[in-house]
Amino acid sequence: MKNINFLLALALANSLLMGDEIDMMINKINSKRTGILPKDKIVSTPSPLPKVEIVDTNVTKDKNGTIVLKKSGMEFNLTAIMNNKAFINGQWVKVGEKVGGYTLVDIMDDSVYLKDGNRSKMVFFSDNNKKIKIIIGR
């Protein structure tokens, strides 16, 4: 019985000491933290990540650590979709036909799916294109 009382007293004392330590940790967390570097120094530190800029020339250049990516392939402009044909880059194309080296695979309501070997593109109507819905009949 003395052993049990001793263990209970030891556990109680330990929990009281642990409570004080926990309170001290919480107070440290709640206190305003300050670092060794001033805020303006942190803000003015350059990013370790390279800047990426996309240009539409075929030249890759490295200027001041900037990586320049080339635009890949041809740009497509979807203007209209009508009667299972799509008007892409100024020409009407059906599924299976080619435009700019890509084959038209599928025509959806607001986009087309083009494929050239392992490369594929989804082309949507441009933002400045005003969709016109024509309903024939009553």
C-alpha atoms as a PDB file:
ATOM      1  CA  MET A   1       0.000   0.000   0.000  1.00  0.00           C
ATOM      2  CA  LYS A   2       2.905   2.331   0.749  1.00  0.00           C
ATOM      3  CA  ASN A   3       4.262   1.619  -2.739  1.00  0.00           C
ATOM      4  CA  ILE A   4       0.975   2.582  -4.360  1.00  0.00           C
ATOM      5  CA  ASN A   5       0.759   5.817  -2.338  1.00  0.00           C
ATOM      6  CA  PHE A   6       4.363   6.597  -3.238  1.00  0.00           C
ATOM      7  CA  LEU A   7       3.702   6.016  -6.955  1.00  0.00           C
ATOM      8  CA  LEU A   8       0.576   8.177  -6.839  1.00  0.00           C
ATOM      9  CA  ALA A   9       2.471  10.978  -5.083  1.00  0.00           C
ATOM     10  CA  LEU A  10       5.286  10.702  -7.652  1.00  0.00           C
ATOM     11  CA  ALA A  11       2.817  10.800 -10.571  1.00  0.00           C
ATOM     12  CA  LEU A  12       1.052  13.835  -9.050  1.00  0.00           C
ATOM     13  CA  ALA A  13       4.325  15.703  -8.548  1.00  0.00           C
ATOM     14  CA  ASN A  14       5.430  14.833 -12.077  1.00  0.00           C
ATOM     15  CA  SER A  15       2.165  16.083 -13.583  1.00  0.00           C
ATOM     16  CA  LEU A  16       2.475  19.363 -11.648  1.00  0.00           C
ATOM     17  CA  LEU A  17       6.028  19.851 -12.948  1.00  0.00           C
ATOM     18  CA  MET A  18       4.953  18.939 -16.469  1.00  0.00           C
ATOM     19  CA  GLY A  19       2.069  21.422 -16.240  1.00  0.00           C
ATOM     20  CA  ASP A  20       4.515  24.235 -15.439  1.00  0.00           C
ATOM     21  CA  GLU A  21       6.723  23.233 -18.382  1.00  0.00           C
ATOM     22  CA  ILE A  22       3.716  23.133 -20.686  1.00  0.00           C
ATOM     23  CA  ASP A  23       2.636  26.596 -19.489  1.00  0.00           C
ATOM     24  CA  MET A  24       6.138  27.926 -20.200  1.00  0.00           C
ATOM     25  CA  MET A  25       6.085  26.428 -23.712  1.00  0.00           C
ATOM     26  CA  ILE A  26       2.689  27.984 -24.434  1.00  0.00           C
ATOM     27  CA  ASN A  27       3.891  31.382 -23.196  1.00  0.00           C
ATOM     28  CA  LYS A  28       6.916  31.144 -25.515  1.00  0.00           C
ATOM     29  CA  ILE A  29       4.668  30.312 -28.461  1.00  0.00           C
ATOM     30  CA  ASN A  30       2.303  33.195 -27.663  1.00  0.00           C
ATOM     31  CA  SER A  31       5.068  35.772 -27.297  1.00  0.00           C
ATOM     32  CA  LYS A  32       5.995  37.876 -30.330  1.00  0.00           C
ATOM     33  CA  ARG A  33       8.813  36.241 -32.212  1.00  0.00           C
ATOM     34  CA  THR A  34      11.656  38.204 -33.683  1.00  0.00           C
ATOM     35  CA  GLY A  35      14.310  36.937 -36.012  1.00  0.00           C
ATOM     36  CA  ILE A  36      17.875  37.953 -36.517  1.00  0.00           C
ATOM     37  CA  LEU A  37      17.172  39.376 -40.007  1.00  0.00           C
ATOM     38  CA  PRO A  38      15.162  42.563 -40.454  1.00  0.00           C
ATOM     39  CA  LYS A  39      12.020  42.357 -42.577  1.00  0.00           C
ATOM     40  CA  ASP A  40      13.392  44.563 -45.398  1.00  0.00           C
ATOM     41  CA  LYS A  41      16.396  42.251 -45.754  1.00  0.00           C
ATOM     42  CA  ILE A  42      14.103  39.217 -46.093  1.00  0.00           C
ATOM     43  CA  VAL A  43      11.891  40.980 -48.652  1.00  0.00           C
ATOM     44  CA  SER A  44      14.864  42.104 -50.752  1.00  0.00           C
ATOM     45  CA  THR A  45      16.427  38.620 -50.847  1.00  0.00           C
ATOM     46  CA  PRO A  46      16.286  37.319 -54.437  1.00  0.00           C
ATOM     47  CA  SER A  47      14.303  34.177 -55.137  1.00  0.00           C
ATOM     48  CA  PRO A  48      16.387  31.023 -55.595  1.00  0.00           C
ATOM     49  CA  LEU A  49      13.987  29.891 -58.341  1.00  0.00           C
ATOM     50  CA  PRO A  50      14.793  30.902 -61.916  1.00  0.00           C
ATOM     51  CA  LYS A  51      12.487  33.339 -63.675  1.00  0.00           C
ATOM     52  CA  VAL A  52      10.681  31.776 -66.624  1.00  0.00           C
ATOM     53  CA  GLU A  53       9.700  33.859 -69.616  1.00  0.00           C
ATOM     54  CA  ILE A  54       7.938  32.555 -72.729  1.00  0.00           C
ATOM     55  CA  VAL A  55       8.866  34.111 -76.052  1.00  0.00           C
ATOM     56  CA  ASP A  56       7.639  33.278 -79.520  1.00  0.00           C
ATOM     57  CA  THR A  57      11.024  33.203 -81.227  1.00  0.00           C
ATOM     58  CA  ASN A  58      13.076  30.102 -81.922  1.00  0.00           C
ATOM     59  CA  VAL A  59      16.049  31.413 -79.950  1.00  0.00           C
ATOM     60  CA  THR A  60      16.693  30.237 -76.404  1.00  0.00           C
ATOM     61  CA  LYS A  61      18.687  32.801 -74.487  1.00  0.00           C
ATOM     62  CA  ASP A  62      19.981  33.082 -70.961  1.00  0.00           C
ATOM     63  CA  LYS A  63      20.018  36.666 -69.723  1.00  0.00           C
ATOM     64  CA  ASN A  64      20.665  37.484 -66.070  1.00  0.00           C
ATOM     65  CA  GLY A  65      19.789  33.944 -65.006  1.00  0.00           C
ATOM     66  CA  THR A  66      16.511  33.955 -66.912  1.00  0.00           C
ATOM     67  CA  ILE A  67      15.515  30.722 -68.607  1.00  0.00           C
ATOM     68  CA  VAL A  68      13.657  31.387 -71.840  1.00  0.00           C
ATOM     69  CA  LEU A  69      11.294  28.705 -73.101  1.00  0.00           C
ATOM     70  CA  LYS A  70      10.287  28.460 -76.728  1.00  0.00           C
ATOM     71  CA  LYS A  71       6.623  28.251 -77.562  1.00  0.00           C
ATOM     72  CA  SER A  72       6.043  24.730 -78.700  1.00  0.00           C
ATOM     73  CA  GLY A  73       4.616  24.295 -82.146  1.00  0.00           C
ATOM     74  CA  MET A  74       1.863  26.120 -83.881  1.00  0.00           C
ATOM     75  CA  GLU A  75      -0.816  28.232 -82.275  1.00  0.00           C
ATOM     76  CA  PHE A  76      -4.401  27.314 -83.100  1.00  0.00           C
ATOM     77  CA  ASN A  77      -7.376  29.656 -83.288  1.00  0.00           C
ATOM     78  CA  LEU A  78     -10.790  27.994 -83.044  1.00  0.00           C
ATOM     79  CA  THR A  79     -13.383  30.334 -84.507  1.00  0.00           C
ATOM     80  CA  ALA A  80     -16.484  28.209 -85.138  1.00  0.00           C
ATOM     81  CA  ILE A  81     -17.994  24.744 -84.819  1.00  0.00           C
ATOM     82  CA  MET A  82     -20.842  23.785 -87.144  1.00  0.00           C
ATOM     83  CA  ASN A  83     -22.171  20.611 -88.817  1.00  0.00           C
ATOM     84  CA  ASN A  84     -19.447  18.336 -87.386  1.00  0.00           C
ATOM     85  CA  LYS A  85     -16.730  20.684 -88.681  1.00  0.00           C
ATOM     86  CA  ALA A  86     -14.476  23.133 -86.897  1.00  0.00           C
ATOM     87  CA  PHE A  87     -13.143  26.402 -88.310  1.00  0.00           C
ATOM     88  CA  ILE A  88      -9.502  26.401 -87.165  1.00  0.00           C
ATOM     89  CA  ASN A  89      -6.899  28.898 -88.403  1.00  0.00           C
ATOM     90  CA  GLY A  90      -9.108  30.003 -91.272  1.00  0.00           C
ATOM     91  CA  GLN A  91     -10.076  26.591 -92.643  1.00  0.00           C
ATOM     92  CA  TRP A  92     -12.954  24.153 -92.101  1.00  0.00           C
ATOM     93  CA  VAL A  93     -11.721  20.788 -90.771  1.00  0.00           C
ATOM     94  CA  LYS A  94     -13.586  17.507 -90.191  1.00  0.00           C
ATOM     95  CA  VAL A  95     -12.604  14.727 -87.768  1.00  0.00           C
ATOM     96  CA  GLY A  96      -9.657  12.834 -89.269  1.00  0.00           C
ATOM     97  CA  GLU A  97      -8.359  15.783 -91.303  1.00  0.00           C
ATOM     98  CA  LYS A  98      -5.120  17.636 -90.556  1.00  0.00           C
ATOM     99  CA  VAL A  99      -4.538  21.233 -89.570  1.00  0.00           C
ATOM    100  CA  GLY A 100      -1.036  22.540 -88.833  1.00  0.00           C
ATOM    101  CA  GLY A 101       0.420  19.032 -88.681  1.00  0.00           C
ATOM    102  CA  TYR A 102      -2.154  17.893 -86.096  1.00  0.00           C
ATOM    103  CA  THR A 103      -5.094  15.575 -86.795  1.00  0.00           C
ATOM    104  CA  LEU A 104      -8.542  16.622 -85.593  1.00  0.00           C
ATOM    105  CA  VAL A 105      -9.622  13.776 -83.295  1.00  0.00           C
ATOM    106  CA  ASP A 106     -12.793  15.070 -81.634  1.00  0.00           C
ATOM    107  CA  ILE A 107     -15.156  18.054 -81.743  1.00  0.00           C
ATOM    108  CA  MET A 108     -16.934  19.074 -78.532  1.00  0.00           C
ATOM    109  CA  ASP A 109     -19.442  21.892 -77.901  1.00  0.00           C
ATOM    110  CA  ASP A 110     -16.798  24.540 -77.113  1.00  0.00           C
ATOM    111  CA  SER A 111     -13.468  22.927 -78.022  1.00  0.00           C
ATOM    112  CA  VAL A 112     -11.611  20.513 -80.282  1.00  0.00           C
ATOM    113  CA  TYR A 113      -9.031  17.805 -79.557  1.00  0.00           C
ATOM    114  CA  LEU A 114      -5.978  17.688 -81.842  1.00  0.00           C
ATOM    115  CA  LYS A 115      -3.279  15.001 -81.850  1.00  0.00           C
ATOM    116  CA  ASP A 116       0.101  14.584 -83.546  1.00  0.00           C
ATOM    117  CA  GLY A 117       1.849  11.386 -82.464  1.00  0.00           C
ATOM    118  CA  ASN A 118       2.559  11.752 -78.726  1.00  0.00           C
ATOM    119  CA  ARG A 119       1.600  15.438 -78.673  1.00  0.00           C
ATOM    120  CA  SER A 120      -1.987  16.514 -78.170  1.00  0.00           C
ATOM    121  CA  LYS A 121      -3.810  19.820 -77.737  1.00  0.00           C
ATOM    122  CA  MET A 122      -7.214  20.929 -76.548  1.00  0.00           C
ATOM    123  CA  VAL A 123      -8.182  24.120 -78.361  1.00  0.00           C
ATOM    124  CA  PHE A 124     -10.991  26.257 -76.940  1.00  0.00           C
ATOM    125  CA  PHE A 125     -12.756  29.275 -78.369  1.00  0.00           C
ATOM    126  CA  SER A 126     -10.687  32.400 -77.777  1.00  0.00           C
ATOM    127  CA  ASP A 127     -11.874  34.858 -75.112  1.00  0.00           C
ATOM    128  CA  ASN A 128     -12.642  37.565 -77.658  1.00  0.00           C
ATOM    129  CA  ASN A 129     -14.768  35.195 -79.737  1.00  0.00           C
ATOM    130  CA  LYS A 130     -18.482  35.864 -79.288  1.00  0.00           C
ATOM    131  CA  LYS A 131     -20.373  32.579 -79.542  1.00  0.00           C
ATOM    132  CA  ILE A 132     -23.477  32.839 -81.692  1.00  0.00           C
ATOM    133  CA  LYS A 133     -26.155  30.230 -81.218  1.00  0.00           C
ATOM    134  CA  ILE A 134     -28.289  29.774 -84.308  1.00  0.00           C
ATOM    135  CA  ILE A 135     -31.585  27.902 -83.968  1.00  0.00           C
ATOM    136  CA  ILE A 136     -33.329  26.991 -87.203  1.00  0.00           C
ATOM    137  CA  GLY A 137     -37.043  26.309 -87.071  1.00  0.00           C
ATOM    138  CA  ARG A 138     -39.630  27.053 -84.468  1.00  0.00           C
END
